[in-house]
Amino acid sequence: MDRVKAMETFVSVAQRGSLAAAARAEGVVPAIIGRRLDALEEHLGVKLLVRTTRRLTLTPEGSAFLEDCQRLLAELAQAEANVSAGGQTVRGHLRITAPAGFGRQRVAPLVPLFRARHPEVTVSLNLSDRLVDLVAEGYDCAVRVGDLPDSTLISTRLADNRRLVVAAPSYLRRHGTPRTPHDVLHHDCLVLSSDASQTRGWAFTTTEADGRRRVIHIRPRGPLDCTDGQVLYEWCIAGLGLAWRSTWEVQADIDAGRLVSVLDDYAAPPNGIYAVYPSARHLPRRVRAWIDFLKEQYGREGFWG
């Protein structure tokens, strides 16, 4: 039994959730995958997976072994990269994740450019608005937008993310332009549903009587809300109300005149766009190359609008 190949197969099955999916990814029949797993379990003397016709579940031993396999395979890939071509060639498989909307616009278009620069790297991109567990699910890096929760993960700030109140010109012609943050309470506002995010409301910066600046939060209301930010954006473009959106999403529309930013003098300080990864120690060259590439692209003039 090729133990490295068996571990790679086990990790692939665990990550993809089925023997069939792992077989498709490798271009073999599921029976081959099954035989490798059987041989691995026989060699270890433990059951790693409980397989039924409808689902696949890791045993406690399988969950522990999965984490060890992911670590060992990553270290093996790093060792190979360090000795091949003087350690300068970037190669291996890169697993990255990003929020769905941001990922579609600002990550996915960069993946082919990254591969053109590093053709020996293969990439799996996961777009999801849930908070992916990088370690448990075997991801190398996540791109995340906004304030980061306390975590043992390591982060690198890639760019600033400003948030603006925007509206279509047609809406402003019908309803007027808000002049102060509290004016939004009298407008049709397009807000994320309470089970999504922005639970504190829209953030603004105001000036106190003593000249000090502070951030306030206002919870606007409106006739429409949604859990999907893309829908809010489309409603805003259609002239249905004010929306609080990030510049990465709306800057091109502002430049083209499809949207108008309002209350700019009260805009909240920017939050960040980050690359997040499990550990800075023994960071694989492919991950470092990806993070450096993102910083380069996000810092390029004209990238955001």
C-alpha atoms as a PDB file:
ATOM      1  CA  MET A   1       0.000   0.000   0.000  1.00  0.00           C
ATOM      2  CA  ASP A   2       1.251   3.467  -0.956  1.00  0.00           C
ATOM      3  CA  ARG A   3       0.568   5.154   2.379  1.00  0.00           C
ATOM      4  CA  VAL A   4       0.924   8.684   1.038  1.00  0.00           C
ATOM      5  CA  LYS A   5      -1.540   7.965  -1.757  1.00  0.00           C
ATOM      6  CA  ALA A   6      -3.873   6.310   0.742  1.00  0.00           C
ATOM      7  CA  MET A   7      -3.763   9.403   2.987  1.00  0.00           C
ATOM      8  CA  GLU A   8      -4.408  11.679  -0.004  1.00  0.00           C
ATOM      9  CA  THR A   9      -7.400   9.535  -0.950  1.00  0.00           C
ATOM     10  CA  PHE A  10      -8.747   9.569   2.607  1.00  0.00           C
ATOM     11  CA  VAL A  11      -8.450  13.372   2.815  1.00  0.00           C
ATOM     12  CA  SER A  12     -10.111  13.779  -0.584  1.00  0.00           C
ATOM     13  CA  VAL A  13     -13.059  11.567   0.400  1.00  0.00           C
ATOM     14  CA  ALA A  14     -13.479  13.319   3.758  1.00  0.00           C
ATOM     15  CA  GLN A  15     -13.398  16.789   2.170  1.00  0.00           C
ATOM     16  CA  ARG A  16     -15.690  15.954  -0.738  1.00  0.00           C
ATOM     17  CA  GLY A  17     -18.141  13.885   1.263  1.00  0.00           C
ATOM     18  CA  SER A  18     -18.336  10.820  -0.954  1.00  0.00           C
ATOM     19  CA  LEU A  19     -16.272   8.168  -2.721  1.00  0.00           C
ATOM     20  CA  ALA A  20     -17.865   9.107  -6.029  1.00  0.00           C
ATOM     21  CA  ALA A  21     -16.840  12.767  -5.747  1.00  0.00           C
ATOM     22  CA  ALA A  22     -13.267  11.823  -4.830  1.00  0.00           C
ATOM     23  CA  ALA A  23     -13.168   9.361  -7.742  1.00  0.00           C
ATOM     24  CA  ARG A  24     -14.379  12.023 -10.192  1.00  0.00           C
ATOM     25  CA  ALA A  25     -11.726  14.453  -8.973  1.00  0.00           C
ATOM     26  CA  GLU A  26      -9.001  11.859  -9.582  1.00  0.00           C
ATOM     27  CA  GLY A  27     -10.460  10.417 -12.762  1.00  0.00           C
ATOM     28  CA  VAL A  28     -10.853   6.841 -11.485  1.00  0.00           C
ATOM     29  CA  VAL A  29     -13.812   4.604 -10.671  1.00  0.00           C
ATOM     30  CA  PRO A  30     -15.219   4.684  -7.107  1.00  0.00           C
ATOM     31  CA  ALA A  31     -14.232   1.051  -6.554  1.00  0.00           C
ATOM     32  CA  ILE A  32     -10.554   2.036  -6.634  1.00  0.00           C
ATOM     33  CA  ILE A  33     -11.142   4.676  -3.979  1.00  0.00           C
ATOM     34  CA  GLY A  34     -13.004   2.156  -1.861  1.00  0.00           C
ATOM     35  CA  ARG A  35     -10.185  -0.380  -2.088  1.00  0.00           C
ATOM     36  CA  ARG A  36      -7.623   2.203  -1.000  1.00  0.00           C
ATOM     37  CA  LEU A  37      -9.721   3.120   2.039  1.00  0.00           C
ATOM     38  CA  ASP A  38     -10.243  -0.537   2.935  1.00  0.00           C
ATOM     39  CA  ALA A  39      -6.489  -1.138   2.754  1.00  0.00           C
ATOM     40  CA  LEU A  40      -5.771   1.927   4.881  1.00  0.00           C
ATOM     41  CA  GLU A  41      -8.280   0.921   7.565  1.00  0.00           C
ATOM     42  CA  GLU A  42      -6.909  -2.629   7.591  1.00  0.00           C
ATOM     43  CA  HIS A  43      -3.353  -1.314   7.955  1.00  0.00           C
ATOM     44  CA  LEU A  44      -4.348   0.982  10.849  1.00  0.00           C
ATOM     45  CA  GLY A  45      -6.655  -1.515  12.489  1.00  0.00           C
ATOM     46  CA  VAL A  46      -9.405   1.104  13.002  1.00  0.00           C
ATOM     47  CA  LYS A  47     -12.531   2.242  11.210  1.00  0.00           C
ATOM     48  CA  LEU A  48     -12.051   5.728   9.759  1.00  0.00           C
ATOM     49  CA  LEU A  49     -15.347   6.179   7.935  1.00  0.00           C
ATOM     50  CA  VAL A  50     -18.862   4.878   8.345  1.00  0.00           C
ATOM     51  CA  ARG A  51     -20.216   4.429   4.833  1.00  0.00           C
ATOM     52  CA  THR A  52     -23.879   3.977   3.937  1.00  0.00           C
ATOM     53  CA  THR A  53     -25.706   4.334   0.649  1.00  0.00           C
ATOM     54  CA  ARG A  54     -26.821   7.853   1.603  1.00  0.00           C
ATOM     55  CA  ARG A  55     -24.022   9.407   3.605  1.00  0.00           C
ATOM     56  CA  LEU A  56     -20.455   9.165   4.799  1.00  0.00           C
ATOM     57  CA  THR A  57     -19.458   9.982   8.393  1.00  0.00           C
ATOM     58  CA  LEU A  58     -16.048  10.237  10.028  1.00  0.00           C
ATOM     59  CA  THR A  59     -15.511   8.162  13.157  1.00  0.00           C
ATOM     60  CA  PRO A  60     -13.749   9.873  16.102  1.00  0.00           C
ATOM     61  CA  GLU A  61     -10.556   8.106  15.043  1.00  0.00           C
ATOM     62  CA  GLY A  62     -11.151   9.253  11.483  1.00  0.00           C
ATOM     63  CA  SER A  63     -11.560  12.897  12.533  1.00  0.00           C
ATOM     64  CA  ALA A  64      -8.273  12.819  14.437  1.00  0.00           C
ATOM     65  CA  PHE A  65      -6.492  11.048  11.604  1.00  0.00           C
ATOM     66  CA  LEU A  66      -7.846  13.544   9.065  1.00  0.00           C
ATOM     67  CA  GLU A  67      -6.245  16.479  10.873  1.00  0.00           C
ATOM     68  CA  ASP A  68      -2.908  14.635  11.078  1.00  0.00           C
ATOM     69  CA  CYS A  69      -3.072  13.668   7.398  1.00  0.00           C
ATOM     70  CA  GLN A  70      -3.762  17.250   6.305  1.00  0.00           C
ATOM     71  CA  ARG A  71      -0.807  18.476   8.322  1.00  0.00           C
ATOM     72  CA  LEU A  72       1.558  15.750   7.078  1.00  0.00           C
ATOM     73  CA  LEU A  73       0.583  16.208   3.436  1.00  0.00           C
ATOM     74  CA  ALA A  74       1.070  19.959   3.717  1.00  0.00           C
ATOM     75  CA  GLU A  75       4.506  19.458   5.271  1.00  0.00           C
ATOM     76  CA  LEU A  76       5.413  16.964   2.557  1.00  0.00           C
ATOM     77  CA  ALA A  77       4.393  19.424  -0.156  1.00  0.00           C
ATOM     78  CA  GLN A  78       6.436  22.127   1.541  1.00  0.00           C
ATOM     79  CA  ALA A  79       9.472  19.834   1.798  1.00  0.00           C
ATOM     80  CA  GLU A  80       9.238  19.027  -1.907  1.00  0.00           C
ATOM     81  CA  ALA A  81       8.896  22.713  -2.780  1.00  0.00           C
ATOM     82  CA  ASN A  82      11.934  23.617  -0.658  1.00  0.00           C
ATOM     83  CA  VAL A  83      14.286  21.234  -2.453  1.00  0.00           C
ATOM     84  CA  SER A  84      12.996  21.433  -6.022  1.00  0.00           C
ATOM     85  CA  ALA A  85      14.371  24.155  -8.278  1.00  0.00           C
ATOM     86  CA  GLY A  86      16.197  25.672  -5.341  1.00  0.00           C
ATOM     87  CA  GLY A  87      12.910  26.095  -3.512  1.00  0.00           C
ATOM     88  CA  GLN A  88      11.848  28.822  -5.941  1.00  0.00           C
ATOM     89  CA  THR A  89       9.166  26.981  -7.917  1.00  0.00           C
ATOM     90  CA  VAL A  90       5.631  27.512  -6.664  1.00  0.00           C
ATOM     91  CA  ARG A  91       3.654  24.302  -7.040  1.00  0.00           C
ATOM     92  CA  GLY A  92       1.025  22.169  -5.366  1.00  0.00           C
ATOM     93  CA  HIS A  93      -2.706  22.380  -4.774  1.00  0.00           C
ATOM     94  CA  LEU A  94      -4.119  25.585  -3.252  1.00  0.00           C
ATOM     95  CA  ARG A  95      -7.488  25.460  -1.468  1.00  0.00           C
ATOM     96  CA  ILE A  96      -8.961  28.915  -0.873  1.00  0.00           C
ATOM     97  CA  THR A  97     -12.336  30.240   0.261  1.00  0.00           C
ATOM     98  CA  ALA A  98     -14.027  33.652   0.131  1.00  0.00           C
ATOM     99  CA  PRO A  99     -17.467  35.222   0.722  1.00  0.00           C
ATOM    100  CA  ALA A 100     -19.798  34.532  -2.187  1.00  0.00           C
ATOM    101  CA  GLY A 101     -20.419  38.069  -3.472  1.00  0.00           C
ATOM    102  CA  PHE A 102     -16.913  39.394  -2.903  1.00  0.00           C
ATOM    103  CA  GLY A 103     -15.436  36.163  -4.207  1.00  0.00           C
ATOM    104  CA  ARG A 104     -17.344  36.315  -7.475  1.00  0.00           C
ATOM    105  CA  GLN A 105     -16.258  39.884  -8.167  1.00  0.00           C
ATOM    106  CA  ARG A 106     -12.847  40.269  -6.563  1.00  0.00           C
ATOM    107  CA  VAL A 107     -11.304  36.796  -6.127  1.00  0.00           C
ATOM    108  CA  ALA A 108     -12.496  34.478  -8.897  1.00  0.00           C
ATOM    109  CA  PRO A 109     -11.301  36.741 -11.762  1.00  0.00           C
ATOM    110  CA  LEU A 110      -7.799  36.743 -10.229  1.00  0.00           C
ATOM    111  CA  VAL A 111      -7.411  32.959 -10.030  1.00  0.00           C
ATOM    112  CA  PRO A 112      -6.642  32.470 -13.760  1.00  0.00           C
ATOM    113  CA  LEU A 113      -4.126  35.336 -13.594  1.00  0.00           C
ATOM    114  CA  PHE A 114      -2.437  33.700 -10.601  1.00  0.00           C
ATOM    115  CA  ARG A 115      -2.243  30.367 -12.414  1.00  0.00           C
ATOM    116  CA  ALA A 116      -0.791  32.049 -15.495  1.00  0.00           C
ATOM    117  CA  ARG A 117       2.031  33.276 -13.263  1.00  0.00           C
ATOM    118  CA  HIS A 118       2.361  29.957 -11.403  1.00  0.00           C
ATOM    119  CA  PRO A 119       1.252  27.224 -13.834  1.00  0.00           C
ATOM    120  CA  GLU A 120       2.353  24.382 -11.539  1.00  0.00           C
ATOM    121  CA  VAL A 121      -0.280  25.376  -8.959  1.00  0.00           C
ATOM    122  CA  THR A 122      -3.798  23.969  -9.101  1.00  0.00           C
ATOM    123  CA  VAL A 123      -6.574  25.848  -7.315  1.00  0.00           C
ATOM    124  CA  SER A 124      -9.869  24.948  -5.655  1.00  0.00           C
ATOM    125  CA  LEU A 125     -12.007  28.010  -4.879  1.00  0.00           C
ATOM    126  CA  ASN A 126     -14.914  27.760  -2.440  1.00  0.00           C
ATOM    127  CA  LEU A 127     -17.396  30.657  -2.362  1.00  0.00           C
ATOM    128  CA  SER A 128     -19.590  30.643   0.717  1.00  0.00           C
ATOM    129  CA  ASP A 129     -21.011  33.181   3.145  1.00  0.00           C
ATOM    130  CA  ARG A 130     -20.697  30.805   6.086  1.00  0.00           C
ATOM    131  CA  LEU A 131     -17.584  31.055   8.259  1.00  0.00           C
ATOM    132  CA  VAL A 132     -15.472  28.189   6.934  1.00  0.00           C
ATOM    133  CA  ASP A 133     -13.308  26.335   9.483  1.00  0.00           C
ATOM    134  CA  LEU A 134      -9.969  26.408   7.690  1.00  0.00           C
ATOM    135  CA  VAL A 135      -8.260  23.779   9.818  1.00  0.00           C
ATOM    136  CA  ALA A 136     -11.114  21.289  10.061  1.00  0.00           C
ATOM    137  CA  GLU A 137     -11.977  21.576   6.378  1.00  0.00           C
ATOM    138  CA  GLY A 138      -8.432  21.653   5.073  1.00  0.00           C
ATOM    139  CA  TYR A 139      -8.288  25.106   3.477  1.00  0.00           C
ATOM    140  CA  ASP A 140      -4.989  26.904   2.953  1.00  0.00           C
ATOM    141  CA  CYS A 141      -6.315  30.451   3.012  1.00  0.00           C
ATOM    142  CA  ALA A 142      -9.513  32.489   3.294  1.00  0.00           C
ATOM    143  CA  VAL A 143     -10.222  35.992   2.042  1.00  0.00           C
ATOM    144  CA  ARG A 144     -12.490  37.740   4.529  1.00  0.00           C
ATOM    145  CA  VAL A 145     -14.090  41.175   4.559  1.00  0.00           C
ATOM    146  CA  GLY A 146     -14.827  43.146   7.720  1.00  0.00           C
ATOM    147  CA  ASP A 147     -13.786  43.021  11.339  1.00  0.00           C
ATOM    148  CA  LEU A 148     -12.248  39.678  12.247  1.00  0.00           C
ATOM    149  CA  PRO A 149     -13.366  37.743  15.325  1.00  0.00           C
ATOM    150  CA  ASP A 150     -10.772  36.762  17.895  1.00  0.00           C
ATOM    151  CA  SER A 151      -9.093  33.655  16.590  1.00  0.00           C
ATOM    152  CA  THR A 152      -5.942  31.564  16.622  1.00  0.00           C
ATOM    153  CA  LEU A 153      -5.737  32.129  12.875  1.00  0.00           C
ATOM    154  CA  ILE A 154      -3.157  34.458  11.340  1.00  0.00           C
ATOM    155  CA  SER A 155      -4.301  37.376   9.173  1.00  0.00           C
ATOM    156  CA  THR A 156      -2.709  39.755   6.693  1.00  0.00           C
ATOM    157  CA  ARG A 157      -4.531  42.975   5.794  1.00  0.00           C
ATOM    158  CA  LEU A 158      -4.776  43.198   2.012  1.00  0.00           C
ATOM    159  CA  ALA A 159      -6.762  46.416   1.535  1.00  0.00           C
ATOM    160  CA  ASP A 160      -9.172  48.852   3.159  1.00  0.00           C
ATOM    161  CA  ASN A 161     -12.901  48.397   2.683  1.00  0.00           C
ATOM    162  CA  ARG A 162     -14.999  51.573   2.844  1.00  0.00           C
ATOM    163  CA  ARG A 163     -18.767  51.447   3.222  1.00  0.00           C
ATOM    164  CA  LEU A 164     -21.057  54.064   1.712  1.00  0.00           C
ATOM    165  CA  VAL A 165     -24.736  54.910   1.647  1.00  0.00           C
ATOM    166  CA  VAL A 166     -25.780  54.806  -1.990  1.00  0.00           C
ATOM    167  CA  ALA A 167     -28.944  55.244  -4.017  1.00  0.00           C
ATOM    168  CA  ALA A 168     -29.971  55.363  -7.636  1.00  0.00           C
ATOM    169  CA  PRO A 169     -30.460  58.894  -9.074  1.00  0.00           C
ATOM    170  CA  SER A 170     -34.122  58.031  -9.719  1.00  0.00           C
ATOM    171  CA  TYR A 171     -34.723  57.338  -6.007  1.00  0.00           C
ATOM    172  CA  LEU A 172     -33.077  60.602  -4.940  1.00  0.00           C
ATOM    173  CA  ARG A 173     -35.165  62.569  -7.435  1.00  0.00           C
ATOM    174  CA  ARG A 174     -38.352  61.129  -5.938  1.00  0.00           C
ATOM    175  CA  HIS A 175     -37.431  61.211  -2.244  1.00  0.00           C
ATOM    176  CA  GLY A 176     -34.678  63.785  -1.836  1.00  0.00           C
ATOM    177  CA  THR A 177     -31.143  63.383  -0.501  1.00  0.00           C
ATOM    178  CA  PRO A 178     -30.447  62.673   3.197  1.00  0.00           C
ATOM    179  CA  ARG A 179     -28.246  65.345   4.796  1.00  0.00           C
ATOM    180  CA  THR A 180     -27.464  63.757   8.175  1.00  0.00           C
ATOM    181  CA  PRO A 181     -27.218  60.134   9.320  1.00  0.00           C
ATOM    182  CA  HIS A 182     -30.526  60.313  11.200  1.00  0.00           C
ATOM    183  CA  ASP A 183     -32.272  61.355   7.968  1.00  0.00           C
ATOM    184  CA  VAL A 184     -32.019  57.754   6.771  1.00  0.00           C
ATOM    185  CA  LEU A 185     -34.701  56.866   9.341  1.00  0.00           C
ATOM    186  CA  HIS A 186     -37.178  58.741   7.119  1.00  0.00           C
ATOM    187  CA  HIS A 187     -36.182  56.978   3.901  1.00  0.00           C
ATOM    188  CA  ASP A 188     -36.872  53.616   2.309  1.00  0.00           C
ATOM    189  CA  CYS A 189     -33.782  51.666   3.343  1.00  0.00           C
ATOM    190  CA  LEU A 190     -32.727  48.321   1.931  1.00  0.00           C
ATOM    191  CA  VAL A 191     -31.328  46.351   4.845  1.00  0.00           C
ATOM    192  CA  LEU A 192     -30.003  42.905   5.529  1.00  0.00           C
ATOM    193  CA  SER A 193     -32.440  40.723   7.429  1.00  0.00           C
ATOM    194  CA  SER A 194     -31.788  40.342  11.140  1.00  0.00           C
ATOM    195  CA  ASP A 195     -30.570  36.769  10.675  1.00  0.00           C
ATOM    196  CA  ALA A 196     -27.871  37.877   8.236  1.00  0.00           C
ATOM    197  CA  SER A 197     -25.440  40.491   9.567  1.00  0.00           C
ATOM    198  CA  GLN A 198     -25.079  44.249  10.195  1.00  0.00           C
ATOM    199  CA  THR A 199     -26.956  43.594  13.433  1.00  0.00           C
ATOM    200  CA  ARG A 200     -25.571  46.833  14.857  1.00  0.00           C
ATOM    201  CA  GLY A 201     -26.921  48.824  11.942  1.00  0.00           C
ATOM    202  CA  TRP A 202     -25.210  51.258   9.582  1.00  0.00           C
ATOM    203  CA  ALA A 203     -22.073  52.961  10.908  1.00  0.00           C
ATOM    204  CA  PHE A 204     -21.389  56.691  10.612  1.00  0.00           C
ATOM    205  CA  THR A 205     -18.788  59.099  11.964  1.00  0.00           C
ATOM    206  CA  THR A 206     -20.070  62.229  13.694  1.00  0.00           C
ATOM    207  CA  THR A 207     -18.378  65.223  15.325  1.00  0.00           C
ATOM    208  CA  GLU A 208     -19.109  65.971  18.982  1.00  0.00           C
ATOM    209  CA  ALA A 209     -19.479  69.494  20.399  1.00  0.00           C
ATOM    210  CA  ASP A 210     -15.889  69.318  21.665  1.00  0.00           C
ATOM    211  CA  GLY A 211     -14.637  68.468  18.181  1.00  0.00           C
ATOM    212  CA  ARG A 212     -13.997  64.788  18.838  1.00  0.00           C
ATOM    213  CA  ARG A 213     -15.087  62.265  16.212  1.00  0.00           C
ATOM    214  CA  ARG A 214     -16.969  59.135  17.178  1.00  0.00           C
ATOM    215  CA  VAL A 215     -18.704  56.277  15.381  1.00  0.00           C
ATOM    216  CA  ILE A 216     -22.445  55.862  15.820  1.00  0.00           C
ATOM    217  CA  HIS A 217     -24.746  53.094  14.595  1.00  0.00           C
ATOM    218  CA  ILE A 218     -28.222  53.632  13.221  1.00  0.00           C
ATOM    219  CA  ARG A 219     -30.750  50.854  12.633  1.00  0.00           C
ATOM    220  CA  PRO A 220     -32.738  51.979   9.570  1.00  0.00           C
ATOM    221  CA  ARG A 221     -35.978  50.368   8.503  1.00  0.00           C
ATOM    222  CA  GLY A 222     -37.655  49.949   5.164  1.00  0.00           C
ATOM    223  CA  PRO A 223     -40.308  48.072   3.239  1.00  0.00           C
ATOM    224  CA  LEU A 224     -37.786  45.562   1.863  1.00  0.00           C
ATOM    225  CA  ASP A 225     -35.097  43.456   3.494  1.00  0.00           C
ATOM    226  CA  CYS A 226     -33.199  40.378   2.415  1.00  0.00           C
ATOM    227  CA  THR A 227     -30.519  37.983   3.673  1.00  0.00           C
ATOM    228  CA  ASP A 228     -28.601  38.325   0.385  1.00  0.00           C
ATOM    229  CA  GLY A 229     -26.516  41.449  -0.191  1.00  0.00           C
ATOM    230  CA  GLN A 230     -26.577  40.927  -3.966  1.00  0.00           C
ATOM    231  CA  VAL A 231     -30.352  41.279  -3.941  1.00  0.00           C
ATOM    232  CA  LEU A 232     -30.106  44.523  -1.947  1.00  0.00           C
ATOM    233  CA  TYR A 233     -27.615  45.818  -4.498  1.00  0.00           C
ATOM    234  CA  GLU A 234     -29.972  44.984  -7.382  1.00  0.00           C
ATOM    235  CA  TRP A 235     -32.926  46.633  -5.605  1.00  0.00           C
ATOM    236  CA  CYS A 236     -30.796  49.710  -5.023  1.00  0.00           C
ATOM    237  CA  ILE A 237     -29.811  49.898  -8.695  1.00  0.00           C
ATOM    238  CA  ALA A 238     -33.521  49.630  -9.526  1.00  0.00           C
ATOM    239  CA  GLY A 239     -34.224  52.776  -7.463  1.00  0.00           C
ATOM    240  CA  LEU A 240     -36.078  51.117  -4.584  1.00  0.00           C
ATOM    241  CA  GLY A 241     -34.201  52.746  -1.704  1.00  0.00           C
ATOM    242  CA  LEU A 242     -30.979  53.611   0.096  1.00  0.00           C
ATOM    243  CA  ALA A 243     -28.420  50.878   0.726  1.00  0.00           C
ATOM    244  CA  TRP A 244     -25.218  50.674   2.789  1.00  0.00           C
ATOM    245  CA  ARG A 245     -22.728  48.887   0.577  1.00  0.00           C
ATOM    246  CA  SER A 246     -18.978  48.361   0.321  1.00  0.00           C
ATOM    247  CA  THR A 247     -16.928  50.243  -2.241  1.00  0.00           C
ATOM    248  CA  TRP A 248     -15.710  46.987  -3.805  1.00  0.00           C
ATOM    249  CA  GLU A 249     -19.304  46.353  -4.863  1.00  0.00           C
ATOM    250  CA  VAL A 250     -20.523  49.811  -5.908  1.00  0.00           C
ATOM    251  CA  GLN A 251     -17.538  51.947  -6.892  1.00  0.00           C
ATOM    252  CA  ALA A 252     -17.845  51.114 -10.596  1.00  0.00           C
ATOM    253  CA  ASP A 253     -21.544  52.036 -10.472  1.00  0.00           C
ATOM    254  CA  ILE A 254     -20.738  55.342  -8.780  1.00  0.00           C
ATOM    255  CA  ASP A 255     -18.105  56.075 -11.436  1.00  0.00           C
ATOM    256  CA  ALA A 256     -20.650  55.292 -14.174  1.00  0.00           C
ATOM    257  CA  GLY A 257     -23.429  57.362 -12.579  1.00  0.00           C
ATOM    258  CA  ARG A 258     -25.733  54.394 -11.938  1.00  0.00           C
ATOM    259  CA  LEU A 259     -25.480  55.071  -8.188  1.00  0.00           C
ATOM    260  CA  VAL A 260     -24.824  58.180  -6.110  1.00  0.00           C
ATOM    261  CA  SER A 261     -23.051  58.086  -2.751  1.00  0.00           C
ATOM    262  CA  VAL A 262     -24.599  60.257  -0.045  1.00  0.00           C
ATOM    263  CA  LEU A 263     -23.544  61.256   3.477  1.00  0.00           C
ATOM    264  CA  ASP A 264     -19.882  60.933   2.475  1.00  0.00           C
ATOM    265  CA  ASP A 265     -18.865  63.428   5.161  1.00  0.00           C
ATOM    266  CA  TYR A 266     -20.190  60.971   7.755  1.00  0.00           C
ATOM    267  CA  ALA A 267     -18.648  57.810   6.300  1.00  0.00           C
ATOM    268  CA  ALA A 268     -17.392  55.376   8.945  1.00  0.00           C
ATOM    269  CA  PRO A 269     -13.708  54.471   9.114  1.00  0.00           C
ATOM    270  CA  PRO A 270     -12.876  51.613   6.747  1.00  0.00           C
ATOM    271  CA  ASN A 271     -12.698  48.055   7.921  1.00  0.00           C
ATOM    272  CA  GLY A 272     -10.362  45.592   6.262  1.00  0.00           C
ATOM    273  CA  ILE A 273     -10.058  42.939   3.598  1.00  0.00           C
ATOM    274  CA  TYR A 274      -7.856  40.160   4.956  1.00  0.00           C
ATOM    275  CA  ALA A 275      -6.101  36.977   3.981  1.00  0.00           C
ATOM    276  CA  VAL A 276      -6.542  34.509   6.847  1.00  0.00           C
ATOM    277  CA  TYR A 277      -4.557  31.294   7.213  1.00  0.00           C
ATOM    278  CA  PRO A 278      -3.979  28.693   9.931  1.00  0.00           C
ATOM    279  CA  SER A 279      -0.318  29.345  10.775  1.00  0.00           C
ATOM    280  CA  ALA A 280       2.564  31.578   9.777  1.00  0.00           C
ATOM    281  CA  ARG A 281       5.031  28.801  10.598  1.00  0.00           C
ATOM    282  CA  HIS A 282       6.012  26.667   7.596  1.00  0.00           C
ATOM    283  CA  LEU A 283       3.646  28.622   5.380  1.00  0.00           C
ATOM    284  CA  PRO A 284       3.629  26.791   2.029  1.00  0.00           C
ATOM    285  CA  ARG A 285       5.189  28.741  -0.794  1.00  0.00           C
ATOM    286  CA  ARG A 286       1.985  28.506  -2.827  1.00  0.00           C
ATOM    287  CA  VAL A 287       0.038  30.218  -0.012  1.00  0.00           C
ATOM    288  CA  ARG A 288       2.631  32.960   0.396  1.00  0.00           C
ATOM    289  CA  ALA A 289       2.622  33.509  -3.372  1.00  0.00           C
ATOM    290  CA  TRP A 290      -1.195  33.779  -3.369  1.00  0.00           C
ATOM    291  CA  ILE A 291      -1.252  36.304  -0.516  1.00  0.00           C
ATOM    292  CA  ASP A 292       1.479  38.408  -2.151  1.00  0.00           C
ATOM    293  CA  PHE A 293      -0.414  38.258  -5.450  1.00  0.00           C
ATOM    294  CA  LEU A 294      -3.628  39.496  -3.818  1.00  0.00           C
ATOM    295  CA  LYS A 295      -1.806  42.389  -2.140  1.00  0.00           C
ATOM    296  CA  GLU A 296      -0.278  43.343  -5.483  1.00  0.00           C
ATOM    297  CA  GLN A 297      -3.604  43.204  -7.347  1.00  0.00           C
ATOM    298  CA  TYR A 298      -5.646  44.931  -4.652  1.00  0.00           C
ATOM    299  CA  GLY A 299      -3.063  47.713  -4.503  1.00  0.00           C
ATOM    300  CA  ARG A 300      -3.111  48.242  -8.270  1.00  0.00           C
ATOM    301  CA  GLU A 301      -4.402  51.647  -9.383  1.00  0.00           C
ATOM    302  CA  GLY A 302      -7.937  51.423 -10.692  1.00  0.00           C
ATOM    303  CA  PHE A 303      -8.601  47.929  -9.360  1.00  0.00           C
ATOM    304  CA  TRP A 304     -11.570  48.938  -7.215  1.00  0.00           C
ATOM    305  CA  GLY A 305     -13.226  51.333  -9.658  1.00  0.00           C
END
